[in-house]
């Protein structure tokens, strides 16, 4: 992918994460944690359910991690494009020093 594509992808990811995905993941994480806590207190012998809830929480964390990675990659691509523009605006004499 080009830097422009990465930057755009990161921008879209940040927008979606902030408005839709992030709040949904956080609500789900809270619900699963509440269910896990209740289950561990009331049915500690039911390890199958505890494992399933734990896996669901790990999936939520992985989705959030991938979204944050896309945002970070986009931010880095934007910084690289900005740096390239700044270098292009320098005089040839100043560019030689880089």
PDB file of N, CA and C in Angstrom:
ATOM      1  N   UNK A   1       0.835  -1.189   0.000  1.00  0.00           N
ATOM      2  CA  UNK A   1       0.000   0.000   0.000  1.00  0.00           C
ATOM      3  C   UNK A   1       0.875   1.245   0.000  1.00  0.00           C
ATOM      4  N   UNK A   2       0.380   2.265  -0.619  1.00  0.00           N
ATOM      5  CA  UNK A   2       1.112   3.522  -0.617  1.00  0.00           C
ATOM      6  C   UNK A   2       0.856   4.257   0.693  1.00  0.00           C
ATOM      7  N   UNK A   3       1.660   5.262   0.956  1.00  0.00           N
ATOM      8  CA  UNK A   3       1.474   6.056   2.167  1.00  0.00           C
ATOM      9  C   UNK A   3       0.112   6.737   2.179  1.00  0.00           C
ATOM     10  N   UNK A   4      -0.331   7.195   0.998  1.00  0.00           N
ATOM     11  CA  UNK A   4      -1.634   7.849   0.902  1.00  0.00           C
ATOM     12  C   UNK A   4      -2.755   6.877   1.267  1.00  0.00           C
ATOM     13  N   UNK A   5      -2.655   5.650   0.776  1.00  0.00           N
ATOM     14  CA  UNK A   5      -3.663   4.642   1.081  1.00  0.00           C
ATOM     15  C   UNK A   5      -3.642   4.270   2.563  1.00  0.00           C
ATOM     16  N   UNK A   6      -2.438   4.113   3.114  1.00  0.00           N
ATOM     17  CA  UNK A   6      -2.322   3.808   4.538  1.00  0.00           C
ATOM     18  C   UNK A   6      -2.883   4.933   5.404  1.00  0.00           C
ATOM     19  N   UNK A   7      -2.590   6.166   5.016  1.00  0.00           N
ATOM     20  CA  UNK A   7      -3.096   7.313   5.780  1.00  0.00           C
ATOM     21  C   UNK A   7      -4.619   7.365   5.727  1.00  0.00           C
ATOM     22  N   UNK A   8      -5.185   7.122   4.565  1.00  0.00           N
ATOM     23  CA  UNK A   8      -6.642   7.136   4.419  1.00  0.00           C
ATOM     24  C   UNK A   8      -7.274   5.987   5.205  1.00  0.00           C
ATOM     25  N   UNK A   9      -6.672   4.822   5.139  1.00  0.00           N
ATOM     26  CA  UNK A   9      -7.164   3.674   5.893  1.00  0.00           C
ATOM     27  C   UNK A   9      -7.122   3.964   7.388  1.00  0.00           C
ATOM     28  N   UNK A  10      -6.044   4.565   7.847  1.00  0.00           N
ATOM     29  CA  UNK A  10      -5.919   4.927   9.254  1.00  0.00           C
ATOM     30  C   UNK A  10      -6.943   5.962   9.672  1.00  0.00           C
ATOM     31  N   UNK A  11      -7.203   6.921   8.800  1.00  0.00           N
ATOM     32  CA  UNK A  11      -8.203   7.948   9.095  1.00  0.00           C
ATOM     33  C   UNK A  11      -9.589   7.325   9.220  1.00  0.00           C
ATOM     34  N   UNK A  12      -9.924   6.435   8.283  1.00  0.00           N
ATOM     35  CA  UNK A  12     -11.231   5.770   8.330  1.00  0.00           C
ATOM     36  C   UNK A  12     -11.346   4.882   9.569  1.00  0.00           C
ATOM     37  N   UNK A  13     -10.258   4.183   9.910  1.00  0.00           N
ATOM     38  CA  UNK A  13     -10.264   3.323  11.095  1.00  0.00           C
ATOM     39  C   UNK A  13     -10.478   4.155  12.355  1.00  0.00           C
ATOM     40  N   UNK A  14      -9.799   5.283  12.446  1.00  0.00           N
ATOM     41  CA  UNK A  14      -9.943   6.149  13.620  1.00  0.00           C
ATOM     42  C   UNK A  14     -11.361   6.686  13.729  1.00  0.00           C
ATOM     43  N   UNK A  15     -11.913   7.072  12.605  1.00  0.00           N
ATOM     44  CA  UNK A  15     -13.278   7.590  12.585  1.00  0.00           C
ATOM     45  C   UNK A  15     -14.272   6.508  13.027  1.00  0.00           C
ATOM     46  N   UNK A  16     -14.153   5.321  12.446  1.00  0.00           N
ATOM     47  CA  UNK A  16     -15.062   4.217  12.793  1.00  0.00           C
ATOM     48  C   UNK A  16     -14.868   3.784  14.237  1.00  0.00           C
ATOM     49  N   UNK A  17     -13.622   3.716  14.679  1.00  0.00           N
ATOM     50  CA  UNK A  17     -13.340   3.281  16.050  1.00  0.00           C
ATOM     51  C   UNK A  17     -13.921   4.267  17.050  1.00  0.00           C
ATOM     52  N   UNK A  18     -13.724   5.535  16.797  1.00  0.00           N
ATOM     53  CA  UNK A  18     -14.211   6.549  17.728  1.00  0.00           C
ATOM     54  C   UNK A  18     -15.720   6.630  17.796  1.00  0.00           C
ATOM     55  N   UNK A  19     -16.360   6.444  16.658  1.00  0.00           N
ATOM     56  CA  UNK A  19     -17.798   6.639  16.609  1.00  0.00           C
ATOM     57  C   UNK A  19     -18.611   5.360  16.846  1.00  0.00           C
ATOM     58  N   UNK A  20     -18.142   4.244  16.309  1.00  0.00           N
ATOM     59  CA  UNK A  20     -18.948   3.026  16.348  1.00  0.00           C
ATOM     60  C   UNK A  20     -18.270   1.854  17.053  1.00  0.00           C
ATOM     61  N   UNK A  21     -17.117   1.463  16.548  1.00  0.00           N
ATOM     62  CA  UNK A  21     -16.483   0.220  16.989  1.00  0.00           C
ATOM     63  C   UNK A  21     -16.003   0.301  18.432  1.00  0.00           C
ATOM     64  N   UNK A  22     -15.335   1.354  18.782  1.00  0.00           N
ATOM     65  CA  UNK A  22     -14.808   1.502  20.139  1.00  0.00           C
ATOM     66  C   UNK A  22     -15.885   1.408  21.207  1.00  0.00           C
ATOM     67  N   UNK A  23     -16.956   2.205  21.094  1.00  0.00           N
ATOM     68  CA  UNK A  23     -18.019   2.097  22.093  1.00  0.00           C
ATOM     69  C   UNK A  23     -18.683   0.712  22.129  1.00  0.00           C
ATOM     70  N   UNK A  24     -18.860   0.103  20.969  1.00  0.00           N
ATOM     71  CA  UNK A  24     -19.468  -1.236  20.931  1.00  0.00           C
ATOM     72  C   UNK A  24     -18.560  -2.264  21.597  1.00  0.00           C
ATOM     73  N   UNK A  25     -17.264  -2.188  21.322  1.00  0.00           N
ATOM     74  CA  UNK A  25     -16.324  -3.115  21.946  1.00  0.00           C
ATOM     75  C   UNK A  25     -16.275  -2.912  23.456  1.00  0.00           C
ATOM     76  N   UNK A  26     -16.287  -1.680  23.879  1.00  0.00           N
ATOM     77  CA  UNK A  26     -16.235  -1.396  25.316  1.00  0.00           C
ATOM     78  C   UNK A  26     -17.500  -1.883  26.011  1.00  0.00           C
ATOM     79  N   UNK A  27     -18.646  -1.699  25.400  1.00  0.00           N
ATOM     80  CA  UNK A  27     -19.899  -2.188  25.982  1.00  0.00           C
ATOM     81  C   UNK A  27     -19.884  -3.714  26.064  1.00  0.00           C
ATOM     82  N   UNK A  28     -19.403  -4.352  25.009  1.00  0.00           N
ATOM     83  CA  UNK A  28     -19.323  -5.810  25.007  1.00  0.00           C
ATOM     84  C   UNK A  28     -18.342  -6.305  26.057  1.00  0.00           C
ATOM     85  N   UNK A  29     -17.204  -5.647  26.147  1.00  0.00           N
ATOM     86  CA  UNK A  29     -16.192  -6.026  27.136  1.00  0.00           C
ATOM     87  C   UNK A  29     -16.770  -5.917  28.556  1.00  0.00           C
ATOM     88  N   UNK A  30     -17.498  -4.852  28.820  1.00  0.00           N
ATOM     89  CA  UNK A  30     -18.118  -4.658  30.132  1.00  0.00           C
ATOM     90  C   UNK A  30     -19.141  -5.754  30.425  1.00  0.00           C
ATOM     91  N   UNK A  31     -19.977  -6.062  29.427  1.00  0.00           N
ATOM     92  CA  UNK A  31     -20.981  -7.123  29.611  1.00  0.00           C
ATOM     93  C   UNK A  31     -20.329  -8.473  29.864  1.00  0.00           C
ATOM     94  N   UNK A  32     -19.312  -8.798  29.079  1.00  0.00           N
ATOM     95  CA  UNK A  32     -18.635 -10.078  29.259  1.00  0.00           C
ATOM     96  C   UNK A  32     -17.917 -10.154  30.613  1.00  0.00           C
ATOM     97  N   UNK A  33     -17.320  -9.068  31.038  1.00  0.00           N
ATOM     98  CA  UNK A  33     -16.631  -9.058  32.327  1.00  0.00           C
ATOM     99  C   UNK A  33     -17.629  -9.235  33.463  1.00  0.00           C
ATOM    100  N   UNK A  34     -18.769  -8.595  33.340  1.00  0.00           N
ATOM    101  CA  UNK A  34     -19.809  -8.749  34.348  1.00  0.00           C
ATOM    102  C   UNK A  34     -20.292 -10.201  34.397  1.00  0.00           C
ATOM    103  N   UNK A  35     -20.532 -10.794  33.236  1.00  0.00           N
ATOM    104  CA  UNK A  35     -20.971 -12.194  33.184  1.00  0.00           C
ATOM    105  C   UNK A  35     -19.899 -13.135  33.726  1.00  0.00           C
ATOM    106  N   UNK A  36     -18.638 -12.840  33.391  1.00  0.00           N
ATOM    107  CA  UNK A  36     -17.533 -13.672  33.860  1.00  0.00           C
ATOM    108  C   UNK A  36     -17.395 -13.603  35.383  1.00  0.00           C
ATOM    109  N   UNK A  37     -17.506 -12.408  35.909  1.00  0.00           N
ATOM    110  CA  UNK A  37     -17.410 -12.215  37.355  1.00  0.00           C
ATOM    111  C   UNK A  37     -18.550 -12.938  38.075  1.00  0.00           C
ATOM    112  N   UNK A  38     -19.760 -12.781  37.557  1.00  0.00           N
ATOM    113  CA  UNK A  38     -20.918 -13.439  38.155  1.00  0.00           C
ATOM    114  C   UNK A  38     -20.786 -14.958  38.080  1.00  0.00           C
ATOM    115  N   UNK A  39     -20.340 -15.446  36.939  1.00  0.00           N
ATOM    116  CA  UNK A  39     -20.180 -16.884  36.749  1.00  0.00           C
ATOM    117  C   UNK A  39     -19.106 -17.450  37.683  1.00  0.00           C
ATOM    118  N   UNK A  40     -17.986 -16.747  37.785  1.00  0.00           N
ATOM    119  CA  UNK A  40     -16.898 -17.210  38.649  1.00  0.00           C
ATOM    120  C   UNK A  40     -17.331 -17.230  40.113  1.00  0.00           C
ATOM    121  N   UNK A  41     -18.200 -16.298  40.498  1.00  0.00           N
ATOM    122  CA  UNK A  41     -18.660 -16.257  41.885  1.00  0.00           C
ATOM    123  C   UNK A  41     -19.731 -17.310  42.158  1.00  0.00           C
ATOM    124  N   UNK A  42     -20.618 -17.530  41.195  1.00  0.00           N
ATOM    125  CA  UNK A  42     -21.760 -18.418  41.419  1.00  0.00           C
ATOM    126  C   UNK A  42     -21.537 -19.859  40.970  1.00  0.00           C
ATOM    127  N   UNK A  43     -20.738 -20.028  39.914  1.00  0.00           N
ATOM    128  CA  UNK A  43     -20.509 -21.376  39.373  1.00  0.00           C
ATOM    129  C   UNK A  43     -19.025 -21.590  39.075  1.00  0.00           C
ATOM    130  N   UNK A  44     -18.174 -21.556  40.070  1.00  0.00           N
ATOM    131  CA  UNK A  44     -16.734 -21.679  39.805  1.00  0.00           C
ATOM    132  C   UNK A  44     -16.346 -23.032  39.203  1.00  0.00           C
ATOM    133  N   UNK A  45     -17.182 -24.029  39.335  1.00  0.00           N
ATOM    134  CA  UNK A  45     -16.901 -25.353  38.777  1.00  0.00           C
ATOM    135  C   UNK A  45     -17.190 -25.425  37.276  1.00  0.00           C
ATOM    136  N   UNK A  46     -17.890 -24.433  36.745  1.00  0.00           N
ATOM    137  CA  UNK A  46     -18.286 -24.457  35.337  1.00  0.00           C
ATOM    138  C   UNK A  46     -17.186 -23.829  34.483  1.00  0.00           C
ATOM    139  N   UNK A  47     -16.072 -24.509  34.385  1.00  0.00           N
ATOM    140  CA  UNK A  47     -14.909 -23.958  33.685  1.00  0.00           C
ATOM    141  C   UNK A  47     -15.153 -23.781  32.191  1.00  0.00           C
ATOM    142  N   UNK A  48     -16.023 -24.574  31.606  1.00  0.00           N
ATOM    143  CA  UNK A  48     -16.299 -24.456  30.173  1.00  0.00           C
ATOM    144  C   UNK A  48     -16.875 -23.077  29.840  1.00  0.00           C
ATOM    145  N   UNK A  49     -17.827 -22.627  30.622  1.00  0.00           N
ATOM    146  CA  UNK A  49     -18.419 -21.300  30.401  1.00  0.00           C
ATOM    147  C   UNK A  49     -17.396 -20.193  30.665  1.00  0.00           C
ATOM    148  N   UNK A  50     -16.590 -20.380  31.692  1.00  0.00           N
ATOM    149  CA  UNK A  50     -15.573 -19.377  32.024  1.00  0.00           C
ATOM    150  C   UNK A  50     -14.578 -19.244  30.880  1.00  0.00           C
ATOM    151  N   UNK A  51     -14.167 -20.371  30.322  1.00  0.00           N
ATOM    152  CA  UNK A  51     -13.229 -20.349  29.194  1.00  0.00           C
ATOM    153  C   UNK A  51     -13.858 -19.658  27.994  1.00  0.00           C
ATOM    154  N   UNK A  52     -15.115 -19.955  27.710  1.00  0.00           N
ATOM    155  CA  UNK A  52     -15.788 -19.340  26.554  1.00  0.00           C
ATOM    156  C   UNK A  52     -15.895 -17.825  26.712  1.00  0.00           C
ATOM    157  N   UNK A  53     -16.233 -17.364  27.892  1.00  0.00           N
ATOM    158  CA  UNK A  53     -16.303 -15.921  28.130  1.00  0.00           C
ATOM    159  C   UNK A  53     -14.922 -15.280  28.023  1.00  0.00           C
ATOM    160  N   UNK A  54     -13.911 -15.965  28.518  1.00  0.00           N
ATOM    161  CA  UNK A  54     -12.546 -15.449  28.426  1.00  0.00           C
ATOM    162  C   UNK A  54     -12.103 -15.338  26.972  1.00  0.00           C
ATOM    163  N   UNK A  55     -12.449 -16.329  26.165  1.00  0.00           N
ATOM    164  CA  UNK A  55     -12.111 -16.299  24.738  1.00  0.00           C
ATOM    165  C   UNK A  55     -12.835 -15.145  24.052  1.00  0.00           C
ATOM    166  N   UNK A  56     -14.089 -14.947  24.401  1.00  0.00           N
ATOM    167  CA  UNK A  56     -14.842 -13.833  23.812  1.00  0.00           C
ATOM    168  C   UNK A  56     -14.179 -12.495  24.139  1.00  0.00           C
ATOM    169  N   UNK A  57     -13.692 -12.351  25.352  1.00  0.00           N
ATOM    170  CA  UNK A  57     -13.013 -11.113  25.726  1.00  0.00           C
ATOM    171  C   UNK A  57     -11.693 -10.955  24.977  1.00  0.00           C
ATOM    172  N   UNK A  58     -10.994 -12.067  24.750  1.00  0.00           N
ATOM    173  CA  UNK A  58      -9.749 -12.001  23.970  1.00  0.00           C
ATOM    174  C   UNK A  58     -10.031 -11.597  22.531  1.00  0.00           C
ATOM    175  N   UNK A  59     -11.132 -12.071  21.966  1.00  0.00           N
ATOM    176  CA  UNK A  59     -11.510 -11.683  20.604  1.00  0.00           C
ATOM    177  C   UNK A  59     -11.778 -10.179  20.544  1.00  0.00           C
ATOM    178  N   UNK A  60     -12.481  -9.663  21.523  1.00  0.00           N
ATOM    179  CA  UNK A  60     -12.740  -8.221  21.587  1.00  0.00           C
ATOM    180  C   UNK A  60     -11.424  -7.452  21.640  1.00  0.00           C
ATOM    181  N   UNK A  61     -10.493  -7.919  22.455  1.00  0.00           N
ATOM    182  CA  UNK A  61      -9.191  -7.257  22.570  1.00  0.00           C
ATOM    183  C   UNK A  61      -8.419  -7.302  21.253  1.00  0.00           C
ATOM    184  N   UNK A  62      -8.496  -8.429  20.546  1.00  0.00           N
ATOM    185  CA  UNK A  62      -7.792  -8.559  19.263  1.00  0.00           C
ATOM    186  C   UNK A  62      -8.377  -7.624  18.216  1.00  0.00           C
ATOM    187  N   UNK A  63      -9.693  -7.489  18.184  1.00  0.00           N
ATOM    188  CA  UNK A  63     -10.328  -6.567  17.232  1.00  0.00           C
ATOM    189  C   UNK A  63      -9.882  -5.138  17.529  1.00  0.00           C
ATOM    190  N   UNK A  64      -9.903  -4.753  18.796  1.00  0.00           N
ATOM    191  CA  UNK A  64      -9.456  -3.405  19.175  1.00  0.00           C
ATOM    192  C   UNK A  64      -7.991  -3.207  18.821  1.00  0.00           C
ATOM    193  N   UNK A  65      -7.177  -4.226  19.031  1.00  0.00           N
ATOM    194  CA  UNK A  65      -5.749  -4.150  18.715  1.00  0.00           C
ATOM    195  C   UNK A  65      -5.531  -3.921  17.217  1.00  0.00           C
ATOM    196  N   UNK A  66      -6.267  -4.622  16.385  1.00  0.00           N
ATOM    197  CA  UNK A  66      -6.126  -4.468  14.930  1.00  0.00           C
ATOM    198  C   UNK A  66      -6.575  -3.086  14.467  1.00  0.00           C
ATOM    199  N   UNK A  67      -7.637  -2.584  15.058  1.00  0.00           N
ATOM    200  CA  UNK A  67      -8.098  -1.232  14.712  1.00  0.00           C
ATOM    201  C   UNK A  67      -7.044  -0.194  15.111  1.00  0.00           C
ATOM    202  N   UNK A  68      -6.474  -0.360  16.294  1.00  0.00           N
ATOM    203  CA  UNK A  68      -5.457   0.589  16.757  1.00  0.00           C
ATOM    204  C   UNK A  68      -4.194   0.502  15.912  1.00  0.00           C
ATOM    205  N   UNK A  69      -3.864  -0.691  15.445  1.00  0.00           N
ATOM    206  CA  UNK A  69      -2.714  -0.858  14.568  1.00  0.00           C
ATOM    207  C   UNK A  69      -2.934  -0.135  13.245  1.00  0.00           C
ATOM    208  N   UNK A  70      -4.123  -0.246  12.683  1.00  0.00           N
ATOM    209  CA  UNK A  70      -4.441   0.457  11.438  1.00  0.00           C
ATOM    210  C   UNK A  70      -4.357   1.968  11.642  1.00  0.00           C
ATOM    211  N   UNK A  71      -4.823   2.441  12.798  1.00  0.00           N
ATOM    212  CA  UNK A  71      -4.744   3.875  13.083  1.00  0.00           C
ATOM    213  C   UNK A  71      -3.294   4.327  13.229  1.00  0.00           C
ATOM    214  N   UNK A  72      -2.474   3.532  13.891  1.00  0.00           N
ATOM    215  CA  UNK A  72      -1.063   3.879  14.078  1.00  0.00           C
ATOM    216  C   UNK A  72      -0.320   3.875  12.746  1.00  0.00           C
ATOM    217  N   UNK A  73      -0.600   2.887  11.911  1.00  0.00           N
ATOM    218  CA  UNK A  73       0.033   2.841  10.591  1.00  0.00           C
ATOM    219  C   UNK A  73      -0.357   4.053   9.759  1.00  0.00           C
ATOM    220  N   UNK A  74      -1.612   4.440   9.848  1.00  0.00           N
ATOM    221  CA  UNK A  74      -2.080   5.619   9.121  1.00  0.00           C
ATOM    222  C   UNK A  74      -1.424   6.891   9.619  1.00  0.00           C
ATOM    223  N   UNK A  75      -1.268   6.996  10.928  1.00  0.00           N
ATOM    224  CA  UNK A  75      -0.620   8.177  11.498  1.00  0.00           C
ATOM    225  C   UNK A  75       0.842   8.255  11.073  1.00  0.00           C
ATOM    226  N   UNK A  76       1.517   7.110  11.054  1.00  0.00           N
ATOM    227  CA  UNK A  76       2.920   7.088  10.620  1.00  0.00           C
ATOM    228  C   UNK A  76       3.036   7.455   9.142  1.00  0.00           C
ATOM    229  N   UNK A  77       2.138   6.952   8.324  1.00  0.00           N
ATOM    230  CA  UNK A  77       2.153   7.285   6.897  1.00  0.00           C
ATOM    231  C   UNK A  77       1.914   8.781   6.698  1.00  0.00           C
ATOM    232  N   UNK A  78       1.021   9.362   7.479  1.00  0.00           N
ATOM    233  CA  UNK A  78       0.769  10.810   7.397  1.00  0.00           C
ATOM    234  C   UNK A  78       2.012  11.604   7.787  1.00  0.00           C
ATOM    235  N   UNK A  79       2.709  11.141   8.838  1.00  0.00           N
ATOM    236  CA  UNK A  79       3.944  11.830   9.247  1.00  0.00           C
ATOM    237  C   UNK A  79       5.003  11.753   8.151  1.00  0.00           C
ATOM    238  N   UNK A  80       5.113  10.600   7.517  1.00  0.00           N
ATOM    239  CA  UNK A  80       6.097  10.447   6.445  1.00  0.00           C
ATOM    240  C   UNK A  80       5.760  11.344   5.256  1.00  0.00           C
ATOM    241  N   UNK A  81       4.476  11.440   4.920  1.00  0.00           N
ATOM    242  CA  UNK A  81       4.082  12.309   3.810  1.00  0.00           C
ATOM    243  C   UNK A  81       4.347  13.772   4.151  1.00  0.00           C
ATOM    244  N   UNK A  82       4.058  14.168   5.396  1.00  0.00           N
ATOM    245  CA  UNK A  82       4.317  15.547   5.819  1.00  0.00           C
ATOM    246  C   UNK A  82       5.808  15.849   5.773  1.00  0.00           C
ATOM    247  N   UNK A  83       6.621  14.916   6.230  1.00  0.00           N
ATOM    248  CA  UNK A  83       8.084  15.102   6.205  1.00  0.00           C
ATOM    249  C   UNK A  83       8.573  15.231   4.770  1.00  0.00           C
ATOM    250  N   UNK A  84       8.029  14.423   3.870  1.00  0.00           N
ATOM    251  CA  UNK A  84       8.425  14.510   2.456  1.00  0.00           C
ATOM    252  C   UNK A  84       8.051  15.871   1.872  1.00  0.00           C
ATOM    253  N   UNK A  85       6.872  16.389   2.247  1.00  0.00           N
ATOM    254  CA  UNK A  85       6.473  17.726   1.762  1.00  0.00           C
ATOM    255  C   UNK A  85       7.415  18.797   2.294  1.00  0.00           C
ATOM    256  N   UNK A  86       7.786  18.670   3.586  1.00  0.00           N
ATOM    257  CA  UNK A  86       8.694  19.659   4.176  1.00  0.00           C
ATOM    258  C   UNK A  86      10.057  19.629   3.496  1.00  0.00           C
ATOM    259  N   UNK A  87      10.540  18.452   3.184  1.00  0.00           N
ATOM    260  CA  UNK A  87      11.831  18.333   2.502  1.00  0.00           C
ATOM    261  C   UNK A  87      11.739  18.899   1.097  1.00  0.00           C
ATOM    262  N   UNK A  88      10.635  18.647   0.416  1.00  0.00           N
ATOM    263  CA  UNK A  88      10.461  19.153  -0.941  1.00  0.00           C
ATOM    264  C   UNK A  88      10.428  20.677  -0.973  1.00  0.00           C
ATOM    265  N   UNK A  89       9.959  21.306   0.106  1.00  0.00           N
ATOM    266  CA  UNK A  89       9.886  22.763   0.164  1.00  0.00           C
ATOM    267  C   UNK A  89      11.229  23.416   0.489  1.00  0.00           C
ATOM    268  N   UNK A  90      12.187  22.637   0.942  1.00  0.00           N
ATOM    269  CA  UNK A  90      13.501  23.195   1.259  1.00  0.00           C
ATOM    270  C   UNK A  90      14.237  23.576  -0.018  1.00  0.00           C
ATOM    271  N   UNK A  91      15.125  24.524   0.125  1.00  0.00           N
ATOM    272  CA  UNK A  91      15.960  24.890  -1.024  1.00  0.00           C
ATOM    273  C   UNK A  91      16.934  23.750  -1.312  1.00  0.00           C
ATOM    274  N   UNK A  92      17.426  23.666  -2.538  1.00  0.00           N
ATOM    275  CA  UNK A  92      18.377  22.597  -2.863  1.00  0.00           C
ATOM    276  C   UNK A  92      19.602  22.587  -1.948  1.00  0.00           C
ATOM    277  N   UNK A  93      20.064  23.744  -1.558  1.00  0.00           N
ATOM    278  CA  UNK A  93      21.239  23.823  -0.662  1.00  0.00           C
ATOM    279  C   UNK A  93      20.932  23.192   0.702  1.00  0.00           C
ATOM    280  N   UNK A  94      19.732  23.479   1.228  1.00  0.00           N
ATOM    281  CA  UNK A  94      19.372  22.905   2.522  1.00  0.00           C
ATOM    282  C   UNK A  94      19.092  21.400   2.415  1.00  0.00           C
ATOM    283  N   UNK A  95      18.566  20.971   1.271  1.00  0.00           N
ATOM    284  CA  UNK A  95      18.286  19.549   1.086  1.00  0.00           C
ATOM    285  C   UNK A  95      19.569  18.713   1.073  1.00  0.00           C
ATOM    286  N   UNK A  96      20.664  19.320   0.594  1.00  0.00           N
ATOM    287  CA  UNK A  96      21.936  18.602   0.569  1.00  0.00           C
ATOM    288  C   UNK A  96      22.391  18.236   1.965  1.00  0.00           C
ATOM    289  N   UNK A  97      22.024  19.061   2.961  1.00  0.00           N
ATOM    290  CA  UNK A  97      22.437  18.791   4.321  1.00  0.00           C
ATOM    291  C   UNK A  97      21.709  17.592   4.920  1.00  0.00           C
ATOM    292  N   UNK A  98      20.594  17.224   4.316  1.00  0.00           N
ATOM    293  CA  UNK A  98      19.851  16.066   4.824  1.00  0.00           C
ATOM    294  C   UNK A  98      20.446  14.866   4.225  1.00  0.00           C
TER     295      UNK A  98
END
